[in-house]
Protein backbone atom coordinates (compact mmCIF):
# COMPACT_ATOMS: atom_id res chain seq x y z
CA MET A 1 -6.95 4.12 -3.00
CA TRP A 2 -4.97 1.59 -0.97
CA VAL A 3 -5.83 -2.13 -1.07
CA THR A 4 -4.32 -5.26 0.44
CA ASP A 5 -3.32 -8.20 -1.74
CA THR A 6 -3.51 -10.95 0.87
CA GLY A 7 -2.44 -13.82 -1.39
CA ASN A 8 0.72 -12.03 -2.48
CA ASN A 9 1.52 -10.44 0.93
CA ARG A 10 1.59 -6.83 -0.26
CA VAL A 11 -0.20 -3.49 -0.13
CA LEU A 12 -1.02 -1.72 -3.41
CA GLN A 13 -1.79 1.88 -4.28
CA LEU A 14 -4.31 2.30 -7.09
CA PRO A 15 -4.43 5.84 -8.54
CA SER A 16 -7.92 7.32 -8.68
CA HIS A 17 -7.52 8.37 -12.32
CA SER A 18 -6.61 4.90 -13.61
CA ASN A 19 -7.69 1.32 -13.01
CA THR A 20 -4.68 -0.38 -14.62
CA THR A 21 -1.58 1.11 -12.95
CA GLN A 22 -0.61 -0.01 -9.48
CA THR A 23 2.27 0.65 -7.12
CA ALA A 24 3.36 -1.92 -4.54
CA LEU A 25 4.86 -0.71 -1.27
CA SER A 26 8.50 -1.67 -0.98
CA PHE A 27 8.90 -3.27 2.43
CA THR A 28 8.96 -6.84 3.70
CA GLY A 29 7.43 -8.65 6.63
CA LEU A 30 3.77 -8.77 5.63
CA ASN A 31 1.97 -12.01 6.37
CA HIS A 32 -1.49 -12.15 4.76
CA PRO A 33 -2.46 -8.48 5.24
CA HIS A 34 -6.21 -7.99 5.47
CA GLY A 35 -6.76 -4.28 6.05
CA VAL A 36 -5.31 -0.83 5.52
CA ARG A 37 -5.36 2.15 7.83
CA SER A 38 -4.03 5.57 6.96
CA ALA A 39 -3.18 8.70 8.89
CA ARG A 40 -5.16 11.85 8.23
CA ARG A 41 -2.03 13.94 7.79
CA ARG A 42 0.81 13.09 5.45
CA LEU A 43 3.69 11.11 6.88
CA ARG A 44 7.27 12.19 6.22
CA ARG A 45 9.53 9.83 4.31
CA ARG A 46 12.37 8.36 6.31
CA GLN A 47 15.81 9.66 5.41
CA ARG A 48 18.39 6.99 4.63
């Protein structure tokens, strides 16, 4: 499940099998996010 943490300007991923572990997305530029939208198909990771 993906949720927005508006007060801390981040988007979190909460695994369905646990309610204590969270992963924050590692990018900048969010300013009070208030919603999440996802693509139906998986997106490819960008190569650096």
